Amino acid sequence: MDNAANGPWWFRHTPPLIDKAALRAALRARRRAFAADGPTPPAPPALFLNALRPGVIVASYVPMGGEADPGAFDRAARAAGAVLAWPLVVDRVSPITFHTGAPASDGPFGLRQPAADSAPVAPAIILTPLVGFDPACNRLGQGAGHYDRAFAALPDAMKIGIAWSVQQVARLPRDPWDVALDAIVTETDLFLPGEKL
């Protein structure tokens, strides 16, 4: 017999639903507050440095809204002779593409991005901003699915999330279209799927 205080058996064994919009709002606020204190940005781990070579294309991003700055990764890529590319967003529903032109144009959602007439490229490594993450390298993004669709189109690319430690949550819900990252780097830790190193 069900106890009213605990709810029916099916309720007790069903994971709680997570309001992703509310979670995004809370994590964005946490990210902005943390970034405002000027923490040291995440440093590139060996798995990234070892993948660099002359001519390899690395997709980076221009941080906004308190996102962790990938500048140290960009500098390491340039020093190794890699080619940097940047995301180009057209609107909320169109897939993002990556371009090697300098991010000198204003794009949608306050993004800095390359000119729309620059040639698209297929990066071998994608440095990825995020709103939240869990230790299994699941990523909570802005909600439009831009990066998940890019990951699906570039399945062999190494996907590295760059974040602040305060963006970690115990567990994120996964939708069928969500793509886990190969690693997440914060200012304090390196996470690989299922384990923290």
N, C-alpha and C. Protein backbone atom coordinates (compact mmCIF):
# COMPACT_ATOMS: atom_id res chain seq x y z
N MET A 1 0.85 -1.18 0.00
CA MET A 1 0.00 0.00 0.00
C MET A 1 0.89 1.25 0.00
N ASP A 2 0.51 2.23 -0.80
CA ASP A 2 1.31 3.44 -0.92
C ASP A 2 1.13 4.34 0.30
N ASN A 3 2.22 4.90 0.72
CA ASN A 3 2.19 5.88 1.79
C ASN A 3 2.05 7.25 1.15
N ALA A 4 1.08 8.03 1.57
CA ALA A 4 0.81 9.33 0.95
C ALA A 4 2.02 10.26 1.03
N ALA A 5 2.82 10.12 2.08
CA ALA A 5 3.98 10.99 2.24
C ALA A 5 5.05 10.70 1.19
N ASN A 6 5.11 9.44 0.75
CA ASN A 6 6.13 9.05 -0.21
C ASN A 6 5.61 9.01 -1.64
N GLY A 7 4.32 9.08 -1.83
CA GLY A 7 3.74 9.01 -3.17
C GLY A 7 3.59 7.57 -3.62
N PRO A 8 2.90 7.36 -4.73
CA PRO A 8 2.72 6.01 -5.25
C PRO A 8 4.05 5.40 -5.69
N TRP A 9 4.10 4.08 -5.82
CA TRP A 9 5.35 3.40 -6.14
C TRP A 9 5.97 3.92 -7.43
N TRP A 10 5.15 4.20 -8.45
CA TRP A 10 5.70 4.66 -9.74
C TRP A 10 6.33 6.05 -9.61
N PHE A 11 5.81 6.87 -8.69
CA PHE A 11 6.38 8.21 -8.49
C PHE A 11 7.74 8.10 -7.80
N ARG A 12 7.82 7.19 -6.82
CA ARG A 12 9.07 7.03 -6.07
C ARG A 12 10.18 6.49 -6.96
N HIS A 13 9.87 5.78 -8.04
CA HIS A 13 10.88 5.15 -8.89
C HIS A 13 11.07 5.87 -10.22
N THR A 14 10.48 7.03 -10.35
CA THR A 14 10.64 7.83 -11.56
C THR A 14 11.60 8.98 -11.25
N PRO A 15 12.66 9.14 -12.08
CA PRO A 15 13.57 10.26 -11.81
C PRO A 15 12.83 11.58 -11.88
N PRO A 16 13.18 12.54 -11.03
CA PRO A 16 12.49 13.83 -11.07
C PRO A 16 12.75 14.53 -12.40
N LEU A 17 11.74 15.21 -12.91
CA LEU A 17 11.91 15.97 -14.13
C LEU A 17 12.71 17.23 -13.82
N ILE A 18 13.58 17.58 -14.73
CA ILE A 18 14.40 18.77 -14.54
C ILE A 18 13.93 19.83 -15.51
N ASP A 19 13.65 20.98 -14.99
CA ASP A 19 13.26 22.12 -15.82
C ASP A 19 14.54 22.71 -16.38
N LYS A 20 14.83 22.39 -17.65
CA LYS A 20 16.09 22.83 -18.25
C LYS A 20 16.18 24.35 -18.34
N ALA A 21 15.06 25.02 -18.60
CA ALA A 21 15.10 26.49 -18.69
C ALA A 21 15.50 27.09 -17.34
N ALA A 22 14.92 26.59 -16.26
CA ALA A 22 15.26 27.10 -14.93
C ALA A 22 16.70 26.77 -14.57
N LEU A 23 17.14 25.56 -14.93
CA LEU A 23 18.52 25.16 -14.66
C LEU A 23 19.49 26.05 -15.44
N ARG A 24 19.17 26.31 -16.71
CA ARG A 24 20.03 27.21 -17.50
C ARG A 24 20.14 28.59 -16.86
N ALA A 25 19.01 29.14 -16.43
CA ALA A 25 19.01 30.47 -15.82
C ALA A 25 19.88 30.48 -14.56
N ALA A 26 19.73 29.46 -13.72
CA ALA A 26 20.51 29.40 -12.48
C ALA A 26 22.01 29.24 -12.77
N LEU A 27 22.34 28.39 -13.73
CA LEU A 27 23.75 28.16 -14.04
C LEU A 27 24.39 29.34 -14.76
N ARG A 28 23.62 30.05 -15.59
CA ARG A 28 24.16 31.26 -16.22
C ARG A 28 24.50 32.30 -15.17
N ALA A 29 23.61 32.47 -14.18
CA ALA A 29 23.86 33.44 -13.10
C ALA A 29 25.09 33.03 -12.30
N ARG A 30 25.21 31.75 -12.01
CA ARG A 30 26.36 31.25 -11.26
C ARG A 30 27.65 31.47 -12.06
N ARG A 31 27.58 31.20 -13.36
CA ARG A 31 28.75 31.37 -14.24
C ARG A 31 29.20 32.83 -14.31
N ARG A 32 28.22 33.73 -14.48
CA ARG A 32 28.56 35.17 -14.55
C ARG A 32 29.19 35.66 -13.26
N ALA A 33 28.62 35.27 -12.13
CA ALA A 33 29.14 35.71 -10.83
C ALA A 33 30.56 35.19 -10.61
N PHE A 34 30.80 33.94 -10.98
CA PHE A 34 32.13 33.36 -10.80
C PHE A 34 33.14 34.04 -11.71
N ALA A 35 32.77 34.25 -12.98
CA ALA A 35 33.68 34.88 -13.95
C ALA A 35 34.00 36.32 -13.57
N ALA A 36 33.06 37.00 -12.90
CA ALA A 36 33.28 38.40 -12.51
C ALA A 36 34.43 38.55 -11.52
N ASP A 37 34.76 37.47 -10.81
CA ASP A 37 35.87 37.52 -9.85
C ASP A 37 37.23 37.35 -10.52
N GLY A 38 37.26 37.15 -11.84
CA GLY A 38 38.52 37.04 -12.58
C GLY A 38 39.33 35.80 -12.32
N PRO A 39 38.71 34.62 -12.32
CA PRO A 39 39.49 33.41 -12.09
C PRO A 39 40.46 33.13 -13.24
N THR A 40 41.47 32.32 -12.97
CA THR A 40 42.41 31.90 -14.00
C THR A 40 41.68 30.96 -14.96
N PRO A 41 41.72 31.24 -16.26
CA PRO A 41 41.01 30.38 -17.22
C PRO A 41 41.58 28.97 -17.24
N PRO A 42 40.78 28.00 -17.68
CA PRO A 42 41.25 26.62 -17.78
C PRO A 42 42.48 26.51 -18.69
N ALA A 43 43.38 25.61 -18.32
CA ALA A 43 44.59 25.36 -19.11
C ALA A 43 44.41 24.12 -19.98
N PRO A 44 45.01 24.11 -21.16
CA PRO A 44 44.87 22.96 -22.05
C PRO A 44 45.49 21.69 -21.45
N PRO A 45 44.75 20.58 -21.42
CA PRO A 45 45.31 19.33 -20.91
C PRO A 45 46.13 18.62 -21.98
N ALA A 46 46.84 17.59 -21.57
CA ALA A 46 47.70 16.84 -22.49
C ALA A 46 46.91 16.24 -23.65
N LEU A 47 45.68 15.78 -23.42
CA LEU A 47 44.94 15.16 -24.51
C LEU A 47 44.68 16.15 -25.65
N PHE A 48 44.54 17.43 -25.34
CA PHE A 48 44.40 18.46 -26.37
C PHE A 48 45.75 18.75 -27.01
N LEU A 49 46.76 18.98 -26.18
CA LEU A 49 48.08 19.33 -26.70
C LEU A 49 48.64 18.22 -27.60
N ASN A 50 48.41 16.97 -27.22
CA ASN A 50 48.92 15.84 -28.00
C ASN A 50 48.20 15.67 -29.34
N ALA A 51 47.02 16.24 -29.48
CA ALA A 51 46.26 16.13 -30.73
C ALA A 51 46.63 17.24 -31.72
N LEU A 52 47.39 18.23 -31.26
CA LEU A 52 47.75 19.35 -32.13
C LEU A 52 48.90 18.98 -33.05
N ARG A 53 48.82 19.48 -34.29
CA ARG A 53 49.90 19.34 -35.26
C ARG A 53 49.70 20.40 -36.32
N PRO A 54 50.69 20.68 -37.10
CA PRO A 54 50.51 21.71 -38.14
C PRO A 54 49.35 21.39 -39.08
N GLY A 55 48.52 22.39 -39.30
CA GLY A 55 47.41 22.26 -40.24
C GLY A 55 46.13 21.70 -39.68
N VAL A 56 46.16 21.09 -38.48
CA VAL A 56 44.91 20.56 -37.91
C VAL A 56 43.99 21.74 -37.61
N ILE A 57 42.70 21.55 -37.86
CA ILE A 57 41.73 22.64 -37.66
C ILE A 57 41.09 22.49 -36.29
N VAL A 58 41.20 23.56 -35.51
CA VAL A 58 40.63 23.60 -34.16
C VAL A 58 39.55 24.67 -34.13
N ALA A 59 38.32 24.28 -33.84
CA ALA A 59 37.23 25.25 -33.70
C ALA A 59 37.24 25.78 -32.28
N SER A 60 37.28 27.09 -32.15
CA SER A 60 37.25 27.74 -30.85
C SER A 60 35.98 28.59 -30.77
N TYR A 61 35.94 29.54 -29.86
CA TYR A 61 34.79 30.44 -29.72
C TYR A 61 35.22 31.70 -29.00
N VAL A 62 34.45 32.76 -29.17
CA VAL A 62 34.67 34.00 -28.44
C VAL A 62 33.75 33.96 -27.23
N PRO A 63 34.31 33.97 -26.00
CA PRO A 63 33.46 33.83 -24.82
C PRO A 63 32.54 35.02 -24.61
N MET A 64 31.36 34.75 -24.06
CA MET A 64 30.39 35.79 -23.73
C MET A 64 29.58 35.32 -22.53
N GLY A 65 28.98 36.25 -21.81
CA GLY A 65 28.11 35.89 -20.70
C GLY A 65 28.80 35.13 -19.58
N GLY A 66 30.09 35.37 -19.37
CA GLY A 66 30.81 34.67 -18.30
C GLY A 66 31.36 33.32 -18.71
N GLU A 67 31.28 32.95 -20.00
CA GLU A 67 31.84 31.68 -20.45
C GLU A 67 33.34 31.64 -20.17
N ALA A 68 33.84 30.44 -19.90
CA ALA A 68 35.28 30.27 -19.68
C ALA A 68 36.03 30.59 -20.97
N ASP A 69 37.11 31.33 -20.83
CA ASP A 69 37.89 31.81 -21.98
C ASP A 69 38.80 30.69 -22.51
N PRO A 70 38.69 30.36 -23.80
CA PRO A 70 39.56 29.33 -24.38
C PRO A 70 40.90 29.87 -24.87
N GLY A 71 41.26 31.08 -24.46
CA GLY A 71 42.47 31.74 -24.98
C GLY A 71 43.73 30.90 -24.86
N ALA A 72 43.93 30.19 -23.76
CA ALA A 72 45.14 29.38 -23.61
C ALA A 72 45.15 28.24 -24.62
N PHE A 73 43.99 27.70 -24.93
CA PHE A 73 43.87 26.65 -25.95
C PHE A 73 44.20 27.22 -27.33
N ASP A 74 43.68 28.43 -27.61
CA ASP A 74 43.93 29.08 -28.90
C ASP A 74 45.43 29.33 -29.08
N ARG A 75 46.10 29.81 -28.04
CA ARG A 75 47.53 30.10 -28.13
C ARG A 75 48.33 28.81 -28.36
N ALA A 76 47.95 27.75 -27.67
CA ALA A 76 48.64 26.46 -27.85
C ALA A 76 48.43 25.94 -29.28
N ALA A 77 47.22 26.10 -29.80
CA ALA A 77 46.94 25.65 -31.17
C ALA A 77 47.79 26.42 -32.17
N ARG A 78 47.85 27.74 -32.02
CA ARG A 78 48.66 28.56 -32.94
C ARG A 78 50.14 28.18 -32.85
N ALA A 79 50.63 27.99 -31.63
CA ALA A 79 52.03 27.64 -31.43
C ALA A 79 52.39 26.32 -32.10
N ALA A 80 51.42 25.41 -32.19
CA ALA A 80 51.65 24.11 -32.82
C ALA A 80 51.44 24.14 -34.33
N GLY A 81 51.06 25.30 -34.86
CA GLY A 81 50.83 25.40 -36.30
C GLY A 81 49.43 24.98 -36.72
N ALA A 82 48.54 24.80 -35.75
CA ALA A 82 47.15 24.44 -36.07
C ALA A 82 46.42 25.67 -36.63
N VAL A 83 45.29 25.43 -37.25
CA VAL A 83 44.48 26.49 -37.85
C VAL A 83 43.23 26.67 -36.98
N LEU A 84 42.97 27.91 -36.57
CA LEU A 84 41.79 28.17 -35.75
C LEU A 84 40.58 28.49 -36.62
N ALA A 85 39.44 27.99 -36.21
CA ALA A 85 38.17 28.28 -36.88
C ALA A 85 37.18 28.74 -35.82
N TRP A 86 36.10 29.37 -36.28
CA TRP A 86 35.13 29.95 -35.36
C TRP A 86 33.72 29.60 -35.82
N PRO A 87 32.78 29.45 -34.88
CA PRO A 87 31.41 29.13 -35.29
C PRO A 87 30.72 30.31 -35.95
N LEU A 88 29.90 30.01 -36.93
CA LEU A 88 29.07 31.01 -37.58
C LEU A 88 27.62 30.58 -37.41
N VAL A 89 26.84 31.43 -36.79
CA VAL A 89 25.42 31.15 -36.51
C VAL A 89 24.59 32.06 -37.39
N VAL A 90 23.61 31.48 -38.07
CA VAL A 90 22.72 32.26 -38.92
C VAL A 90 21.47 32.64 -38.15
N ASP A 91 20.86 31.66 -37.49
CA ASP A 91 19.65 31.87 -36.70
C ASP A 91 19.50 30.70 -35.73
N ARG A 92 18.39 30.64 -35.04
CA ARG A 92 18.20 29.61 -34.02
C ARG A 92 18.06 28.20 -34.60
N VAL A 93 17.53 28.07 -35.82
CA VAL A 93 17.25 26.73 -36.35
C VAL A 93 18.28 26.22 -37.34
N SER A 94 19.03 27.10 -38.00
CA SER A 94 20.03 26.65 -38.98
C SER A 94 21.24 26.06 -38.26
N PRO A 95 21.87 25.04 -38.85
CA PRO A 95 23.07 24.48 -38.23
C PRO A 95 24.20 25.50 -38.21
N ILE A 96 25.06 25.41 -37.20
CA ILE A 96 26.25 26.25 -37.21
C ILE A 96 27.27 25.62 -38.16
N THR A 97 28.12 26.46 -38.69
CA THR A 97 29.26 26.01 -39.47
C THR A 97 30.49 26.66 -38.87
N PHE A 98 31.65 26.16 -39.22
CA PHE A 98 32.90 26.69 -38.69
C PHE A 98 33.71 27.27 -39.84
N HIS A 99 34.32 28.45 -39.58
CA HIS A 99 35.04 29.20 -40.62
C HIS A 99 36.35 29.71 -40.06
N THR A 100 37.35 29.82 -40.94
CA THR A 100 38.68 30.25 -40.49
C THR A 100 38.86 31.76 -40.45
N GLY A 101 37.92 32.53 -40.95
CA GLY A 101 38.03 33.99 -40.88
C GLY A 101 38.00 34.48 -39.44
N ALA A 102 38.65 35.59 -39.19
CA ALA A 102 38.68 36.15 -37.83
C ALA A 102 37.27 36.51 -37.38
N PRO A 103 36.96 36.29 -36.09
CA PRO A 103 35.62 36.62 -35.59
C PRO A 103 35.45 38.12 -35.39
N ALA A 104 35.22 38.82 -36.48
CA ALA A 104 35.17 40.28 -36.44
C ALA A 104 33.79 40.85 -36.71
N SER A 105 32.80 39.99 -36.93
CA SER A 105 31.44 40.46 -37.25
C SER A 105 30.50 40.19 -36.08
N ASP A 106 29.48 41.03 -35.95
CA ASP A 106 28.44 40.79 -34.96
C ASP A 106 27.42 39.83 -35.54
N GLY A 107 27.14 38.76 -34.80
CA GLY A 107 26.17 37.77 -35.24
C GLY A 107 24.96 37.76 -34.33
N PRO A 108 24.04 36.83 -34.56
CA PRO A 108 22.87 36.73 -33.69
C PRO A 108 23.26 36.40 -32.25
N PHE A 109 22.40 36.74 -31.33
CA PHE A 109 22.54 36.41 -29.90
C PHE A 109 23.78 37.06 -29.27
N GLY A 110 24.31 38.12 -29.86
CA GLY A 110 25.47 38.81 -29.31
C GLY A 110 26.80 38.13 -29.60
N LEU A 111 26.82 37.19 -30.53
CA LEU A 111 28.04 36.46 -30.86
C LEU A 111 28.98 37.28 -31.73
N ARG A 112 30.26 37.04 -31.57
CA ARG A 112 31.27 37.55 -32.50
C ARG A 112 31.65 36.37 -33.38
N GLN A 113 31.60 36.58 -34.70
CA GLN A 113 31.83 35.47 -35.60
C GLN A 113 32.46 35.93 -36.90
N PRO A 114 32.94 34.96 -37.71
CA PRO A 114 33.53 35.32 -38.99
C PRO A 114 32.48 35.84 -39.96
N ALA A 115 32.95 36.44 -41.04
CA ALA A 115 32.03 36.93 -42.08
C ALA A 115 31.29 35.76 -42.71
N ALA A 116 30.04 35.98 -43.07
CA ALA A 116 29.20 34.93 -43.63
C ALA A 116 29.72 34.41 -44.96
N ASP A 117 30.52 35.20 -45.67
CA ASP A 117 31.02 34.75 -46.98
C ASP A 117 32.37 34.03 -46.89
N SER A 118 32.87 33.77 -45.67
CA SER A 118 34.12 33.02 -45.53
C SER A 118 33.83 31.52 -45.75
N ALA A 119 34.85 30.79 -46.15
CA ALA A 119 34.67 29.37 -46.49
C ALA A 119 34.53 28.51 -45.23
N PRO A 120 33.56 27.59 -45.22
CA PRO A 120 33.43 26.68 -44.08
C PRO A 120 34.51 25.60 -44.09
N VAL A 121 34.85 25.10 -42.91
CA VAL A 121 35.85 24.04 -42.76
C VAL A 121 35.28 22.98 -41.83
N ALA A 122 35.94 21.81 -41.80
CA ALA A 122 35.54 20.71 -40.92
C ALA A 122 36.61 20.55 -39.84
N PRO A 123 36.37 21.05 -38.65
CA PRO A 123 37.40 20.95 -37.60
C PRO A 123 37.61 19.52 -37.11
N ALA A 124 38.84 19.24 -36.72
CA ALA A 124 39.17 17.95 -36.11
C ALA A 124 38.98 18.01 -34.60
N ILE A 125 39.02 19.22 -34.04
CA ILE A 125 38.84 19.44 -32.60
C ILE A 125 37.85 20.59 -32.45
N ILE A 126 36.85 20.40 -31.58
CA ILE A 126 35.86 21.45 -31.35
C ILE A 126 35.89 21.84 -29.87
N LEU A 127 36.37 23.05 -29.60
CA LEU A 127 36.32 23.59 -28.24
C LEU A 127 34.92 24.16 -28.05
N THR A 128 34.27 23.74 -26.98
CA THR A 128 32.84 23.97 -26.85
C THR A 128 32.48 24.73 -25.58
N PRO A 129 31.77 25.85 -25.72
CA PRO A 129 31.26 26.53 -24.52
C PRO A 129 30.05 25.76 -23.99
N LEU A 130 29.69 26.01 -22.77
CA LEU A 130 28.52 25.32 -22.22
C LEU A 130 27.94 26.11 -21.05
N VAL A 131 26.72 25.75 -20.71
CA VAL A 131 26.04 26.36 -19.57
C VAL A 131 26.25 25.51 -18.33
N GLY A 132 26.16 24.19 -18.48
CA GLY A 132 26.35 23.28 -17.37
C GLY A 132 26.87 21.94 -17.86
N PHE A 133 27.38 21.13 -16.93
CA PHE A 133 27.87 19.80 -17.29
C PHE A 133 27.80 18.89 -16.09
N ASP A 134 27.91 17.58 -16.35
CA ASP A 134 28.02 16.62 -15.25
C ASP A 134 29.30 15.81 -15.43
N PRO A 135 29.69 15.01 -14.42
CA PRO A 135 30.97 14.28 -14.50
C PRO A 135 31.04 13.27 -15.65
N ALA A 136 29.91 12.88 -16.22
CA ALA A 136 29.92 11.95 -17.36
C ALA A 136 30.12 12.68 -18.68
N CYS A 137 30.41 13.98 -18.62
CA CYS A 137 30.66 14.82 -19.80
C CYS A 137 29.41 15.10 -20.62
N ASN A 138 28.25 15.02 -19.98
CA ASN A 138 27.04 15.52 -20.61
C ASN A 138 27.05 17.03 -20.49
N ARG A 139 26.57 17.69 -21.54
CA ARG A 139 26.66 19.15 -21.63
C ARG A 139 25.26 19.75 -21.72
N LEU A 140 25.04 20.82 -20.97
CA LEU A 140 23.83 21.62 -21.12
C LEU A 140 24.23 22.88 -21.87
N GLY A 141 23.69 23.04 -23.07
CA GLY A 141 24.02 24.20 -23.89
C GLY A 141 22.97 25.29 -23.78
N GLN A 142 22.96 26.17 -24.75
CA GLN A 142 22.04 27.30 -24.74
C GLN A 142 20.60 26.90 -25.04
N GLY A 143 20.40 25.73 -25.64
CA GLY A 143 19.04 25.25 -25.85
C GLY A 143 18.60 25.19 -27.29
N ALA A 144 19.41 25.68 -28.23
CA ALA A 144 19.02 25.64 -29.64
C ALA A 144 19.52 24.39 -30.36
N GLY A 145 20.41 23.64 -29.75
CA GLY A 145 20.93 22.41 -30.35
C GLY A 145 21.99 22.63 -31.41
N HIS A 146 22.55 23.85 -31.50
CA HIS A 146 23.54 24.12 -32.53
C HIS A 146 24.74 23.17 -32.46
N TYR A 147 25.32 23.04 -31.28
CA TYR A 147 26.51 22.20 -31.16
C TYR A 147 26.18 20.72 -31.30
N ASP A 148 25.04 20.28 -30.77
CA ASP A 148 24.68 18.86 -30.93
C ASP A 148 24.56 18.49 -32.41
N ARG A 149 23.98 19.36 -33.21
CA ARG A 149 23.87 19.08 -34.65
C ARG A 149 25.24 19.13 -35.32
N ALA A 150 26.10 20.05 -34.88
CA ALA A 150 27.47 20.08 -35.43
C ALA A 150 28.22 18.80 -35.07
N PHE A 151 28.06 18.32 -33.85
CA PHE A 151 28.72 17.08 -33.43
C PHE A 151 28.23 15.90 -34.26
N ALA A 152 26.93 15.86 -34.53
CA ALA A 152 26.38 14.77 -35.33
C ALA A 152 26.93 14.81 -36.76
N ALA A 153 27.16 16.01 -37.29
CA ALA A 153 27.70 16.15 -38.64
C ALA A 153 29.20 15.89 -38.69
N LEU A 154 29.88 15.99 -37.54
CA LEU A 154 31.33 15.80 -37.47
C LEU A 154 31.64 14.75 -36.39
N PRO A 155 31.20 13.50 -36.60
CA PRO A 155 31.29 12.51 -35.52
C PRO A 155 32.71 12.15 -35.09
N ASP A 156 33.69 12.37 -35.96
CA ASP A 156 35.06 12.02 -35.61
C ASP A 156 35.83 13.14 -34.92
N ALA A 157 35.23 14.31 -34.82
CA ALA A 157 35.91 15.44 -34.18
C ALA A 157 36.03 15.20 -32.67
N MET A 158 37.15 15.62 -32.10
CA MET A 158 37.32 15.58 -30.65
C MET A 158 36.55 16.76 -30.07
N LYS A 159 35.67 16.49 -29.10
CA LYS A 159 34.79 17.51 -28.53
C LYS A 159 35.22 17.79 -27.10
N ILE A 160 35.75 19.00 -26.88
CA ILE A 160 36.25 19.36 -25.55
C ILE A 160 35.45 20.56 -25.03
N GLY A 161 34.76 20.36 -23.92
CA GLY A 161 34.05 21.45 -23.27
C GLY A 161 35.00 22.24 -22.39
N ILE A 162 34.81 23.55 -22.37
CA ILE A 162 35.61 24.43 -21.50
C ILE A 162 34.63 25.16 -20.59
N ALA A 163 34.84 25.04 -19.29
CA ALA A 163 33.85 25.55 -18.33
C ALA A 163 34.52 25.98 -17.04
N TRP A 164 33.74 26.59 -16.18
CA TRP A 164 34.15 26.88 -14.81
C TRP A 164 33.65 25.75 -13.93
N SER A 165 34.33 25.48 -12.84
CA SER A 165 33.94 24.40 -11.93
C SER A 165 32.54 24.60 -11.36
N VAL A 166 32.10 25.85 -11.21
CA VAL A 166 30.78 26.12 -10.64
C VAL A 166 29.64 25.73 -11.58
N GLN A 167 29.96 25.35 -12.80
CA GLN A 167 28.93 24.94 -13.76
C GLN A 167 28.60 23.45 -13.66
N GLN A 168 29.32 22.74 -12.79
CA GLN A 168 29.08 21.30 -12.65
C GLN A 168 27.83 21.04 -11.83
N VAL A 169 27.04 20.07 -12.28
CA VAL A 169 25.90 19.55 -11.53
C VAL A 169 26.10 18.05 -11.39
N ALA A 170 25.37 17.44 -10.48
CA ALA A 170 25.55 16.01 -10.22
C ALA A 170 25.18 15.16 -11.43
N ARG A 171 24.07 15.50 -12.09
CA ARG A 171 23.61 14.69 -13.23
C ARG A 171 22.70 15.53 -14.09
N LEU A 172 22.92 15.48 -15.40
CA LEU A 172 22.06 16.17 -16.35
C LEU A 172 21.16 15.17 -17.06
N PRO A 173 19.94 15.58 -17.37
CA PRO A 173 19.09 14.70 -18.17
C PRO A 173 19.61 14.68 -19.61
N ARG A 174 19.43 13.56 -20.30
CA ARG A 174 19.87 13.45 -21.69
C ARG A 174 18.68 13.20 -22.58
N ASP A 175 18.59 14.02 -23.61
CA ASP A 175 17.61 13.79 -24.66
C ASP A 175 18.27 12.95 -25.75
N PRO A 176 17.48 12.31 -26.61
CA PRO A 176 18.06 11.42 -27.63
C PRO A 176 19.07 12.12 -28.54
N TRP A 177 18.93 13.41 -28.74
CA TRP A 177 19.82 14.15 -29.65
C TRP A 177 21.06 14.71 -28.95
N ASP A 178 21.13 14.61 -27.64
CA ASP A 178 22.28 15.15 -26.91
C ASP A 178 23.53 14.30 -27.17
N VAL A 179 24.64 14.96 -27.40
CA VAL A 179 25.92 14.30 -27.65
C VAL A 179 26.86 14.62 -26.50
N ALA A 180 27.36 13.59 -25.83
CA ALA A 180 28.31 13.80 -24.73
C ALA A 180 29.65 14.26 -25.30
N LEU A 181 30.39 15.00 -24.50
CA LEU A 181 31.70 15.49 -24.91
C LEU A 181 32.77 14.43 -24.61
N ASP A 182 33.91 14.56 -25.27
CA ASP A 182 35.03 13.64 -25.03
C ASP A 182 35.80 14.03 -23.78
N ALA A 183 35.70 15.29 -23.39
CA ALA A 183 36.37 15.78 -22.18
C ALA A 183 35.78 17.14 -21.83
N ILE A 184 35.86 17.49 -20.56
CA ILE A 184 35.50 18.83 -20.09
C ILE A 184 36.64 19.30 -19.19
N VAL A 185 37.10 20.52 -19.46
CA VAL A 185 38.21 21.09 -18.71
C VAL A 185 37.70 22.30 -17.95
N THR A 186 37.97 22.35 -16.66
CA THR A 186 37.66 23.53 -15.84
C THR A 186 38.97 24.10 -15.32
N GLU A 187 38.88 25.16 -14.54
CA GLU A 187 40.09 25.76 -13.98
C GLU A 187 40.73 24.86 -12.93
N THR A 188 40.02 23.81 -12.49
CA THR A 188 40.56 22.93 -11.45
C THR A 188 40.67 21.47 -11.86
N ASP A 189 39.90 21.02 -12.85
CA ASP A 189 39.81 19.59 -13.13
C ASP A 189 39.71 19.28 -14.62
N LEU A 190 39.99 18.02 -14.93
CA LEU A 190 39.74 17.45 -16.24
C LEU A 190 38.76 16.30 -16.05
N PHE A 191 37.66 16.33 -16.78
CA PHE A 191 36.67 15.27 -16.73
C PHE A 191 36.68 14.49 -18.04
N LEU A 192 36.68 13.18 -17.96
CA LEU A 192 36.47 12.31 -19.09
C LEU A 192 35.18 11.55 -18.81
N PRO A 193 34.51 11.03 -19.83
CA PRO A 193 33.22 10.38 -19.57
C PRO A 193 33.29 9.35 -18.45
N GLY A 194 32.57 9.63 -17.37
CA GLY A 194 32.49 8.71 -16.26
C GLY A 194 33.57 8.82 -15.21
N GLU A 195 34.59 9.64 -15.46
CA GLU A 195 35.64 9.74 -14.45
C GLU A 195 36.28 11.12 -14.46
N LYS A 196 36.73 11.55 -13.31
CA LYS A 196 37.44 12.82 -13.17
C LYS A 196 38.92 12.50 -13.00
N LEU A 197 39.78 13.16 -13.76
CA LEU A 197 41.22 12.92 -13.64
C LEU A 197 41.90 14.10 -12.95
